[in-house]
Amino acid sequence: MYANGMSMRAISRVLNVPLGTVFTWIKRYGGQKYKKLVELWSRAKDLVRGSIVS
């Protein structure tokens, strides 16, 4: 929802949960996705450079 442009306040209202809960979810799971994206980007750069041999 948040990744698709919905505000935290709107998510809170739609799901009927406190705003702080939504903030915690976004902070927790958004960080995990960001770390995964950085890892994938690093692998892609290594692959382009030819440093990964499969």
Protein backbone atom coordinates (compact mmCIF):
# COMPACT_ATOMS: atom_id res chain seq x y z
CA MET A 1 0.00 0.00 0.00
CA TYR A 2 2.71 2.45 1.06
CA ALA A 3 4.94 1.45 -1.86
CA ASN A 4 2.03 2.22 -4.18
CA GLY A 5 1.78 5.79 -2.90
CA MET A 6 -0.78 5.48 -0.12
CA SER A 7 -0.01 7.63 2.92
CA MET A 8 0.62 6.08 6.32
CA ARG A 9 -2.41 7.90 7.70
CA ALA A 10 -4.64 6.47 4.94
CA ILE A 11 -3.32 2.96 5.55
CA SER A 12 -4.04 3.42 9.25
CA ARG A 13 -7.63 4.42 8.52
CA VAL A 14 -8.27 1.66 5.96
CA LEU A 15 -6.87 -1.10 8.17
CA ASN A 16 -8.26 0.42 11.37
CA VAL A 17 -4.91 0.23 13.18
CA PRO A 18 -2.97 2.95 15.03
CA LEU A 19 -0.72 5.18 12.93
CA GLY A 20 2.27 4.13 15.04
CA THR A 21 1.67 0.50 14.06
CA VAL A 22 1.71 1.39 10.37
CA PHE A 23 4.92 3.38 10.89
CA THR A 24 6.53 0.37 12.60
CA TRP A 25 5.49 -1.99 9.78
CA ILE A 26 6.90 0.32 7.13
CA LYS A 27 10.12 0.87 9.03
CA ARG A 28 10.61 -2.85 9.69
CA TYR A 29 9.64 -4.33 6.33
CA GLY A 30 10.76 -1.41 4.20
CA GLY A 31 14.25 -1.74 5.62
CA GLN A 32 14.33 -5.44 4.82
CA LYS A 33 13.30 -4.81 1.23
CA TYR A 34 15.89 -2.04 0.90
CA LYS A 35 18.66 -4.36 2.13
CA LYS A 36 17.55 -7.03 -0.36
CA LEU A 37 17.54 -4.48 -3.18
CA VAL A 38 21.09 -3.36 -2.30
CA GLU A 39 22.22 -7.00 -2.27
CA LEU A 40 20.65 -7.69 -5.66
CA TRP A 41 22.15 -4.51 -7.12
CA SER A 42 25.59 -5.52 -5.86
CA ARG A 43 25.24 -8.96 -7.46
CA ALA A 44 24.12 -7.43 -10.74
CA LYS A 45 27.15 -5.10 -10.80
CA ASP A 46 29.47 -8.05 -10.08
CA LEU A 47 27.85 -10.07 -12.85
CA VAL A 48 28.32 -7.24 -15.35
CA ARG A 49 31.96 -6.90 -14.31
CA GLY A 50 32.40 -10.65 -14.80
CA SER A 51 33.47 -11.39 -11.26
CA ILE A 52 30.81 -14.04 -10.71
CA VAL A 53 31.45 -17.38 -12.35
CA SER A 54 28.51 -19.77 -12.36
